[in-house]
Amino acid sequence: MRAGQELDMNIVEAGLSYANVLAELHKEGFDTPWSAAAFESSLASPGIFALIAQDKKDQPSGFVLIRAVGDEAEILTILTRPAARRSGIARALMSKACAEAIERHAQKMFLEVAIDNPNACGLYLSLGFKEVGHRKGYYERPQGPRVDAVIMALDLAP
């Protein structure tokens, strides 16, 4: 999103009734997508919530799933539809996720990202996340070797 450009969308909380939508979206961006049952189970768990970005016609363009427990929050998964990437949706979702995590008393946000995903790594670094660790061979790739995860953290407390 360029400076001064505003996104024409709404970001709303996505409850259990969105499990099928989230699963369908997840298929668009991941080699091993989560099922609707996995999203239902997650959304029914304490501290877990989802935010979904929708255009003015209520068509979903991305989502983020977050766990906030105690003073920590974690991005469990985030996706922007391929056709909508590089438009500011992920940045807006992350901003809203951090704000909601703060409302839920989180002081630190964590996430893991595949080391071979430079666009996502760049986004998180631009939002102030710092590398705090690595997980060797964390992500499985259907057409190649496993890929390391970079663990990142962001201080939410002022």
N, C-alpha and C. Protein backbone atom coordinates (compact mmCIF):
# COMPACT_ATOMS: atom_id res chain seq x y z
N MET A 1 0.85 -1.17 0.00
CA MET A 1 0.00 0.00 0.00
C MET A 1 0.89 1.23 0.00
N ARG A 2 0.66 2.11 -0.92
CA ARG A 2 1.44 3.34 -1.00
C ARG A 2 0.92 4.35 0.02
N ALA A 3 1.79 5.23 0.45
CA ALA A 3 1.41 6.26 1.41
C ALA A 3 0.22 7.05 0.88
N GLY A 4 -0.75 7.26 1.73
CA GLY A 4 -1.92 8.03 1.34
C GLY A 4 -3.00 7.19 0.69
N GLN A 5 -2.69 5.95 0.32
CA GLN A 5 -3.68 5.08 -0.31
C GLN A 5 -4.43 4.34 0.78
N GLU A 6 -5.77 4.34 0.71
CA GLU A 6 -6.56 3.62 1.68
C GLU A 6 -7.18 2.40 1.05
N LEU A 7 -7.25 1.32 1.80
CA LEU A 7 -7.83 0.08 1.31
C LEU A 7 -9.35 0.18 1.38
N ASP A 8 -10.00 -0.33 0.36
CA ASP A 8 -11.45 -0.34 0.30
C ASP A 8 -11.95 -1.68 0.82
N MET A 9 -11.86 -1.88 2.14
CA MET A 9 -12.24 -3.16 2.73
C MET A 9 -12.61 -2.97 4.19
N ASN A 10 -13.19 -4.02 4.75
CA ASN A 10 -13.49 -4.09 6.17
C ASN A 10 -12.72 -5.25 6.76
N ILE A 11 -12.28 -5.10 7.98
CA ILE A 11 -11.67 -6.21 8.71
C ILE A 11 -12.59 -6.49 9.89
N VAL A 12 -13.10 -7.73 9.93
CA VAL A 12 -14.04 -8.12 10.97
C VAL A 12 -13.56 -9.41 11.64
N GLU A 13 -14.03 -9.64 12.85
CA GLU A 13 -13.70 -10.89 13.52
C GLU A 13 -14.46 -12.03 12.84
N ALA A 14 -13.77 -13.14 12.64
CA ALA A 14 -14.34 -14.31 11.97
C ALA A 14 -14.50 -15.42 13.00
N GLY A 15 -15.74 -15.72 13.35
CA GLY A 15 -16.02 -16.76 14.34
C GLY A 15 -16.13 -18.14 13.69
N LEU A 16 -16.68 -19.08 14.44
CA LEU A 16 -16.82 -20.47 13.99
C LEU A 16 -17.52 -20.60 12.65
N SER A 17 -18.48 -19.74 12.38
CA SER A 17 -19.23 -19.84 11.12
C SER A 17 -18.35 -19.56 9.90
N TYR A 18 -17.14 -19.05 10.10
CA TYR A 18 -16.23 -18.76 8.99
C TYR A 18 -15.24 -19.90 8.71
N ALA A 19 -15.35 -21.01 9.42
CA ALA A 19 -14.35 -22.08 9.29
C ALA A 19 -14.20 -22.56 7.85
N ASN A 20 -15.30 -22.75 7.14
CA ASN A 20 -15.21 -23.20 5.74
C ASN A 20 -14.56 -22.15 4.85
N VAL A 21 -14.89 -20.90 5.07
CA VAL A 21 -14.30 -19.81 4.28
C VAL A 21 -12.80 -19.74 4.51
N LEU A 22 -12.39 -19.83 5.77
CA LEU A 22 -10.97 -19.78 6.09
C LEU A 22 -10.22 -20.96 5.47
N ALA A 23 -10.82 -22.14 5.51
CA ALA A 23 -10.19 -23.33 4.91
C ALA A 23 -10.05 -23.16 3.40
N GLU A 24 -11.07 -22.63 2.76
CA GLU A 24 -11.00 -22.42 1.30
C GLU A 24 -9.92 -21.41 0.95
N LEU A 25 -9.84 -20.35 1.72
CA LEU A 25 -8.79 -19.35 1.49
C LEU A 25 -7.41 -19.96 1.73
N HIS A 26 -7.28 -20.74 2.79
CA HIS A 26 -5.98 -21.33 3.14
C HIS A 26 -5.45 -22.20 2.00
N LYS A 27 -6.35 -22.87 1.29
CA LYS A 27 -5.95 -23.71 0.14
C LYS A 27 -5.26 -22.91 -0.95
N GLU A 28 -5.61 -21.63 -1.05
CA GLU A 28 -5.06 -20.79 -2.11
C GLU A 28 -3.60 -20.43 -1.90
N GLY A 29 -3.10 -20.60 -0.69
CA GLY A 29 -1.74 -20.11 -0.45
C GLY A 29 -0.79 -21.07 0.23
N PHE A 30 -1.25 -22.27 0.59
CA PHE A 30 -0.38 -23.17 1.33
C PHE A 30 -0.34 -24.56 0.70
N ASP A 31 0.85 -25.16 0.73
CA ASP A 31 1.04 -26.52 0.19
C ASP A 31 0.26 -27.55 1.00
N THR A 32 0.17 -27.35 2.30
CA THR A 32 -0.57 -28.26 3.18
C THR A 32 -1.64 -27.45 3.93
N PRO A 33 -2.75 -27.19 3.25
CA PRO A 33 -3.78 -26.32 3.85
C PRO A 33 -4.50 -26.99 5.02
N TRP A 34 -5.01 -26.16 5.90
CA TRP A 34 -5.79 -26.62 7.03
C TRP A 34 -7.21 -26.91 6.58
N SER A 35 -7.84 -27.87 7.19
CA SER A 35 -9.23 -28.22 6.90
C SER A 35 -10.18 -27.30 7.66
N ALA A 36 -11.46 -27.33 7.25
CA ALA A 36 -12.47 -26.57 7.98
C ALA A 36 -12.55 -27.07 9.42
N ALA A 37 -12.41 -28.38 9.62
CA ALA A 37 -12.45 -28.93 10.98
C ALA A 37 -11.29 -28.40 11.82
N ALA A 38 -10.12 -28.23 11.21
CA ALA A 38 -8.98 -27.68 11.94
C ALA A 38 -9.25 -26.24 12.35
N PHE A 39 -9.86 -25.46 11.45
CA PHE A 39 -10.20 -24.08 11.81
C PHE A 39 -11.28 -24.05 12.89
N GLU A 40 -12.28 -24.93 12.78
CA GLU A 40 -13.32 -24.99 13.82
C GLU A 40 -12.71 -25.29 15.18
N SER A 41 -11.83 -26.29 15.21
CA SER A 41 -11.18 -26.67 16.47
C SER A 41 -10.36 -25.51 17.03
N SER A 42 -9.62 -24.85 16.16
CA SER A 42 -8.82 -23.70 16.61
C SER A 42 -9.70 -22.59 17.15
N LEU A 43 -10.71 -22.22 16.39
CA LEU A 43 -11.57 -21.10 16.79
C LEU A 43 -12.37 -21.39 18.06
N ALA A 44 -12.56 -22.68 18.37
CA ALA A 44 -13.27 -23.06 19.59
C ALA A 44 -12.34 -23.08 20.81
N SER A 45 -11.04 -22.93 20.58
CA SER A 45 -10.07 -22.97 21.67
C SER A 45 -9.95 -21.61 22.36
N PRO A 46 -9.72 -21.62 23.66
CA PRO A 46 -9.58 -20.36 24.40
C PRO A 46 -8.43 -19.51 23.86
N GLY A 47 -8.68 -18.23 23.72
CA GLY A 47 -7.64 -17.29 23.33
C GLY A 47 -7.40 -17.18 21.83
N ILE A 48 -8.04 -18.02 21.02
CA ILE A 48 -7.80 -17.98 19.58
C ILE A 48 -8.93 -17.21 18.90
N PHE A 49 -8.53 -16.32 17.99
CA PHE A 49 -9.51 -15.56 17.22
C PHE A 49 -8.96 -15.32 15.82
N ALA A 50 -9.86 -15.03 14.91
CA ALA A 50 -9.49 -14.76 13.52
C ALA A 50 -10.06 -13.42 13.09
N LEU A 51 -9.33 -12.77 12.20
CA LEU A 51 -9.79 -11.54 11.56
C LEU A 51 -9.79 -11.80 10.07
N ILE A 52 -10.83 -11.34 9.37
CA ILE A 52 -10.92 -11.54 7.93
C ILE A 52 -11.11 -10.19 7.25
N ALA A 53 -10.38 -10.01 6.16
CA ALA A 53 -10.50 -8.80 5.34
C ALA A 53 -11.51 -9.09 4.24
N GLN A 54 -12.50 -8.21 4.11
CA GLN A 54 -13.54 -8.37 3.10
C GLN A 54 -13.68 -7.09 2.30
N ASP A 55 -13.92 -7.25 1.00
CA ASP A 55 -14.14 -6.06 0.18
C ASP A 55 -15.56 -5.55 0.44
N LYS A 56 -15.94 -4.49 -0.24
CA LYS A 56 -17.25 -3.86 -0.01
C LYS A 56 -18.42 -4.77 -0.39
N LYS A 57 -18.13 -5.84 -1.16
CA LYS A 57 -19.17 -6.83 -1.51
C LYS A 57 -19.10 -8.04 -0.59
N ASP A 58 -18.38 -7.90 0.53
CA ASP A 58 -18.19 -8.96 1.52
C ASP A 58 -17.45 -10.18 0.99
N GLN A 59 -16.66 -9.99 -0.07
CA GLN A 59 -15.82 -11.08 -0.60
C GLN A 59 -14.51 -11.08 0.18
N PRO A 60 -14.09 -12.25 0.70
CA PRO A 60 -12.86 -12.30 1.50
C PRO A 60 -11.61 -12.15 0.64
N SER A 61 -10.66 -11.39 1.16
CA SER A 61 -9.39 -11.20 0.45
C SER A 61 -8.19 -11.65 1.28
N GLY A 62 -8.42 -11.96 2.55
CA GLY A 62 -7.34 -12.44 3.40
C GLY A 62 -7.83 -12.61 4.82
N PHE A 63 -6.98 -13.26 5.63
CA PHE A 63 -7.33 -13.45 7.03
C PHE A 63 -6.06 -13.69 7.85
N VAL A 64 -6.23 -13.58 9.16
CA VAL A 64 -5.16 -13.90 10.10
C VAL A 64 -5.79 -14.63 11.29
N LEU A 65 -5.11 -15.66 11.76
CA LEU A 65 -5.54 -16.43 12.92
C LEU A 65 -4.52 -16.21 14.03
N ILE A 66 -5.00 -15.80 15.21
CA ILE A 66 -4.13 -15.38 16.30
C ILE A 66 -4.51 -16.11 17.58
N ARG A 67 -3.49 -16.41 18.39
CA ARG A 67 -3.71 -16.92 19.74
C ARG A 67 -3.16 -15.88 20.70
N ALA A 68 -3.98 -15.46 21.65
CA ALA A 68 -3.54 -14.51 22.68
C ALA A 68 -3.82 -15.14 24.04
N VAL A 69 -2.74 -15.48 24.75
CA VAL A 69 -2.85 -16.11 26.06
C VAL A 69 -1.88 -15.41 27.00
N GLY A 70 -2.40 -14.99 28.14
CA GLY A 70 -1.56 -14.27 29.09
C GLY A 70 -1.04 -12.99 28.46
N ASP A 71 0.26 -12.78 28.54
CA ASP A 71 0.83 -11.56 27.99
C ASP A 71 1.50 -11.78 26.63
N GLU A 72 1.22 -12.93 26.00
CA GLU A 72 1.81 -13.22 24.68
C GLU A 72 0.73 -13.53 23.66
N ALA A 73 1.04 -13.19 22.42
CA ALA A 73 0.16 -13.52 21.30
C ALA A 73 1.03 -14.12 20.20
N GLU A 74 0.39 -14.93 19.36
CA GLU A 74 1.11 -15.58 18.27
C GLU A 74 0.25 -15.59 17.02
N ILE A 75 0.85 -15.23 15.90
CA ILE A 75 0.18 -15.38 14.61
C ILE A 75 0.30 -16.86 14.25
N LEU A 76 -0.83 -17.54 14.15
CA LEU A 76 -0.82 -18.96 13.81
C LEU A 76 -0.76 -19.17 12.31
N THR A 77 -1.49 -18.35 11.57
CA THR A 77 -1.42 -18.38 10.11
C THR A 77 -2.02 -17.08 9.59
N ILE A 78 -1.53 -16.68 8.44
CA ILE A 78 -2.03 -15.47 7.77
C ILE A 78 -1.97 -15.72 6.27
N LEU A 79 -2.95 -15.20 5.57
CA LEU A 79 -3.00 -15.40 4.12
C LEU A 79 -3.67 -14.20 3.45
N THR A 80 -3.09 -13.80 2.35
CA THR A 80 -3.75 -12.87 1.43
C THR A 80 -3.95 -13.64 0.13
N ARG A 81 -5.15 -13.54 -0.44
CA ARG A 81 -5.41 -14.22 -1.71
C ARG A 81 -4.34 -13.82 -2.72
N PRO A 82 -3.86 -14.76 -3.53
CA PRO A 82 -2.80 -14.45 -4.50
C PRO A 82 -3.11 -13.23 -5.37
N ALA A 83 -4.34 -13.09 -5.83
CA ALA A 83 -4.69 -11.96 -6.71
C ALA A 83 -4.67 -10.62 -5.98
N ALA A 84 -4.69 -10.65 -4.65
CA ALA A 84 -4.75 -9.41 -3.86
C ALA A 84 -3.42 -9.09 -3.16
N ARG A 85 -2.40 -9.88 -3.42
CA ARG A 85 -1.13 -9.66 -2.72
C ARG A 85 -0.48 -8.35 -3.14
N ARG A 86 0.34 -7.83 -2.23
CA ARG A 86 1.08 -6.59 -2.41
C ARG A 86 0.14 -5.38 -2.53
N SER A 87 -1.02 -5.48 -1.90
CA SER A 87 -1.98 -4.38 -1.92
C SER A 87 -2.20 -3.77 -0.55
N GLY A 88 -1.50 -4.28 0.48
CA GLY A 88 -1.63 -3.72 1.81
C GLY A 88 -2.56 -4.50 2.73
N ILE A 89 -3.15 -5.56 2.23
CA ILE A 89 -4.10 -6.33 3.04
C ILE A 89 -3.40 -6.99 4.21
N ALA A 90 -2.29 -7.67 3.97
CA ALA A 90 -1.57 -8.34 5.06
C ALA A 90 -1.11 -7.33 6.11
N ARG A 91 -0.63 -6.18 5.67
CA ARG A 91 -0.20 -5.13 6.61
C ARG A 91 -1.38 -4.67 7.46
N ALA A 92 -2.54 -4.47 6.83
CA ALA A 92 -3.73 -4.04 7.57
C ALA A 92 -4.19 -5.13 8.55
N LEU A 93 -4.15 -6.39 8.12
CA LEU A 93 -4.52 -7.48 9.01
C LEU A 93 -3.56 -7.57 10.20
N MET A 94 -2.27 -7.44 9.93
CA MET A 94 -1.29 -7.50 11.02
C MET A 94 -1.48 -6.35 12.00
N SER A 95 -1.74 -5.17 11.50
CA SER A 95 -1.96 -4.01 12.35
C SER A 95 -3.17 -4.24 13.26
N LYS A 96 -4.25 -4.72 12.67
CA LYS A 96 -5.48 -4.99 13.43
C LYS A 96 -5.25 -6.13 14.42
N ALA A 97 -4.48 -7.17 14.01
CA ALA A 97 -4.19 -8.30 14.91
C ALA A 97 -3.40 -7.82 16.12
N CYS A 98 -2.41 -6.96 15.90
CA CYS A 98 -1.62 -6.43 17.02
C CYS A 98 -2.48 -5.59 17.94
N ALA A 99 -3.34 -4.75 17.37
CA ALA A 99 -4.22 -3.92 18.19
C ALA A 99 -5.16 -4.78 19.03
N GLU A 100 -5.71 -5.82 18.43
CA GLU A 100 -6.61 -6.71 19.16
C GLU A 100 -5.85 -7.49 20.23
N ALA A 101 -4.64 -7.91 19.93
CA ALA A 101 -3.82 -8.63 20.93
C ALA A 101 -3.54 -7.73 22.13
N ILE A 102 -3.28 -6.45 21.88
CA ILE A 102 -3.06 -5.50 22.97
C ILE A 102 -4.33 -5.38 23.82
N GLU A 103 -5.49 -5.33 23.15
CA GLU A 103 -6.77 -5.27 23.88
C GLU A 103 -6.94 -6.49 24.77
N ARG A 104 -6.36 -7.60 24.35
CA ARG A 104 -6.45 -8.86 25.12
C ARG A 104 -5.26 -9.01 26.08
N HIS A 105 -4.53 -7.92 26.30
CA HIS A 105 -3.45 -7.81 27.29
C HIS A 105 -2.13 -8.45 26.87
N ALA A 106 -1.95 -8.71 25.60
CA ALA A 106 -0.65 -9.24 25.14
C ALA A 106 0.37 -8.11 25.12
N GLN A 107 1.59 -8.45 25.48
CA GLN A 107 2.69 -7.49 25.46
C GLN A 107 3.72 -7.81 24.39
N LYS A 108 3.64 -9.04 23.85
CA LYS A 108 4.58 -9.46 22.82
C LYS A 108 3.84 -10.33 21.81
N MET A 109 4.17 -10.14 20.53
CA MET A 109 3.58 -10.93 19.44
C MET A 109 4.70 -11.75 18.81
N PHE A 110 4.42 -13.04 18.58
CA PHE A 110 5.37 -13.95 17.93
C PHE A 110 4.78 -14.46 16.63
N LEU A 111 5.66 -14.91 15.75
CA LEU A 111 5.24 -15.60 14.53
C LEU A 111 6.42 -16.41 14.01
N GLU A 112 6.10 -17.35 13.13
CA GLU A 112 7.11 -18.12 12.42
C GLU A 112 6.84 -17.92 10.94
N VAL A 113 7.92 -17.81 10.17
CA VAL A 113 7.79 -17.61 8.73
C VAL A 113 8.87 -18.42 8.04
N ALA A 114 8.51 -19.00 6.90
CA ALA A 114 9.48 -19.78 6.14
C ALA A 114 10.59 -18.87 5.64
N ILE A 115 11.82 -19.34 5.78
CA ILE A 115 12.98 -18.54 5.39
C ILE A 115 12.98 -18.25 3.88
N ASP A 116 12.25 -19.08 3.12
CA ASP A 116 12.20 -18.88 1.66
C ASP A 116 11.00 -18.03 1.23
N ASN A 117 10.45 -17.25 2.17
CA ASN A 117 9.33 -16.35 1.87
C ASN A 117 9.79 -14.90 2.12
N PRO A 118 10.59 -14.36 1.19
CA PRO A 118 11.17 -13.03 1.44
C PRO A 118 10.13 -11.92 1.53
N ASN A 119 9.01 -12.03 0.82
CA ASN A 119 7.99 -10.97 0.90
C ASN A 119 7.40 -10.89 2.30
N ALA A 120 7.07 -12.05 2.87
CA ALA A 120 6.52 -12.06 4.24
C ALA A 120 7.57 -11.60 5.24
N CYS A 121 8.79 -12.10 5.11
CA CYS A 121 9.86 -11.67 6.02
C CYS A 121 10.03 -10.16 5.97
N GLY A 122 10.02 -9.60 4.77
CA GLY A 122 10.15 -8.15 4.61
C GLY A 122 9.01 -7.39 5.26
N LEU A 123 7.80 -7.89 5.10
CA LEU A 123 6.64 -7.25 5.73
C LEU A 123 6.82 -7.22 7.24
N TYR A 124 7.14 -8.37 7.82
CA TYR A 124 7.25 -8.44 9.27
C TYR A 124 8.37 -7.55 9.79
N LEU A 125 9.49 -7.53 9.11
CA LEU A 125 10.59 -6.65 9.52
C LEU A 125 10.16 -5.19 9.44
N SER A 126 9.40 -4.83 8.39
CA SER A 126 8.95 -3.44 8.24
C SER A 126 7.95 -3.05 9.32
N LEU A 127 7.28 -4.03 9.92
CA LEU A 127 6.34 -3.77 11.00
C LEU A 127 7.03 -3.71 12.37
N GLY A 128 8.33 -3.97 12.39
CA GLY A 128 9.08 -3.89 13.63
C GLY A 128 9.42 -5.21 14.28
N PHE A 129 9.02 -6.32 13.65
CA PHE A 129 9.39 -7.63 14.19
C PHE A 129 10.89 -7.83 14.07
N LYS A 130 11.45 -8.56 15.02
CA LYS A 130 12.88 -8.89 15.04
C LYS A 130 13.03 -10.40 15.05
N GLU A 131 14.08 -10.88 14.37
CA GLU A 131 14.40 -12.30 14.41
C GLU A 131 14.86 -12.67 15.81
N VAL A 132 14.27 -13.74 16.36
CA VAL A 132 14.66 -14.18 17.69
C VAL A 132 15.07 -15.65 17.71
N GLY A 133 14.97 -16.34 16.57
CA GLY A 133 15.36 -17.74 16.54
C GLY A 133 15.07 -18.38 15.20
N HIS A 134 15.46 -19.65 15.09
CA HIS A 134 15.23 -20.45 13.88
C HIS A 134 14.78 -21.85 14.29
N ARG A 135 13.99 -22.46 13.44
CA ARG A 135 13.62 -23.86 13.59
C ARG A 135 14.08 -24.57 12.32
N LYS A 136 15.07 -25.41 12.46
CA LYS A 136 15.67 -26.12 11.33
C LYS A 136 14.67 -27.10 10.72
N GLY A 137 14.50 -27.02 9.39
CA GLY A 137 13.66 -27.96 8.66
C GLY A 137 12.22 -27.99 9.11
N TYR A 138 11.68 -26.87 9.54
CA TYR A 138 10.34 -26.79 10.13
C TYR A 138 9.22 -27.00 9.11
N TYR A 139 9.38 -26.41 7.93
CA TYR A 139 8.33 -26.49 6.90
C TYR A 139 8.65 -27.57 5.89
N GLU A 140 7.65 -28.40 5.63
CA GLU A 140 7.80 -29.43 4.61
C GLU A 140 7.40 -28.85 3.26
N ARG A 141 8.15 -29.20 2.23
CA ARG A 141 7.84 -28.76 0.87
C ARG A 141 7.60 -30.00 0.02
N PRO A 142 6.48 -30.05 -0.71
CA PRO A 142 6.18 -31.25 -1.50
C PRO A 142 7.21 -31.51 -2.61
N GLN A 143 7.81 -30.48 -3.14
CA GLN A 143 8.75 -30.63 -4.25
C GLN A 143 10.17 -30.26 -3.88
N GLY A 144 10.58 -30.58 -2.67
CA GLY A 144 11.95 -30.23 -2.29
C GLY A 144 12.22 -30.49 -0.84
N PRO A 145 13.40 -30.07 -0.40
CA PRO A 145 13.79 -30.31 1.00
C PRO A 145 12.99 -29.43 1.96
N ARG A 146 12.99 -29.83 3.21
CA ARG A 146 12.34 -29.05 4.25
C ARG A 146 13.02 -27.69 4.36
N VAL A 147 12.27 -26.70 4.83
CA VAL A 147 12.75 -25.32 4.90
C VAL A 147 12.72 -24.84 6.35
N ASP A 148 13.72 -24.07 6.71
CA ASP A 148 13.79 -23.52 8.06
C ASP A 148 12.72 -22.46 8.29
N ALA A 149 12.32 -22.32 9.54
CA ALA A 149 11.42 -21.25 9.97
C ALA A 149 12.24 -20.20 10.71
N VAL A 150 11.91 -18.96 10.46
CA VAL A 150 12.47 -17.85 11.23
C VAL A 150 11.42 -17.49 12.28
N ILE A 151 11.83 -17.43 13.53
CA ILE A 151 10.94 -17.02 14.61
C ILE A 151 11.15 -15.52 14.80
N MET A 152 10.05 -14.78 14.81
CA MET A 152 10.12 -13.33 14.97
C MET A 152 9.24 -12.89 16.13
N ALA A 153 9.60 -11.77 16.72
CA ALA A 153 8.84 -11.23 17.84
C ALA A 153 8.74 -9.72 17.72
N LEU A 154 7.65 -9.20 18.25
CA LEU A 154 7.40 -7.76 18.27
C LEU A 154 6.92 -7.38 19.67
N ASP A 155 7.56 -6.37 20.27
CA ASP A 155 7.09 -5.84 21.55
C ASP A 155 5.86 -5.00 21.29
N LEU A 156 4.75 -5.35 21.96
CA LEU A 156 3.50 -4.60 21.80
C LEU A 156 3.35 -3.54 22.89
N ALA A 157 4.02 -3.75 24.01
CA ALA A 157 3.91 -2.81 25.13
C ALA A 157 4.66 -1.53 24.80
N PRO A 158 4.10 -0.38 25.20
CA PRO A 158 4.79 0.89 24.91
C PRO A 158 6.09 1.05 25.64
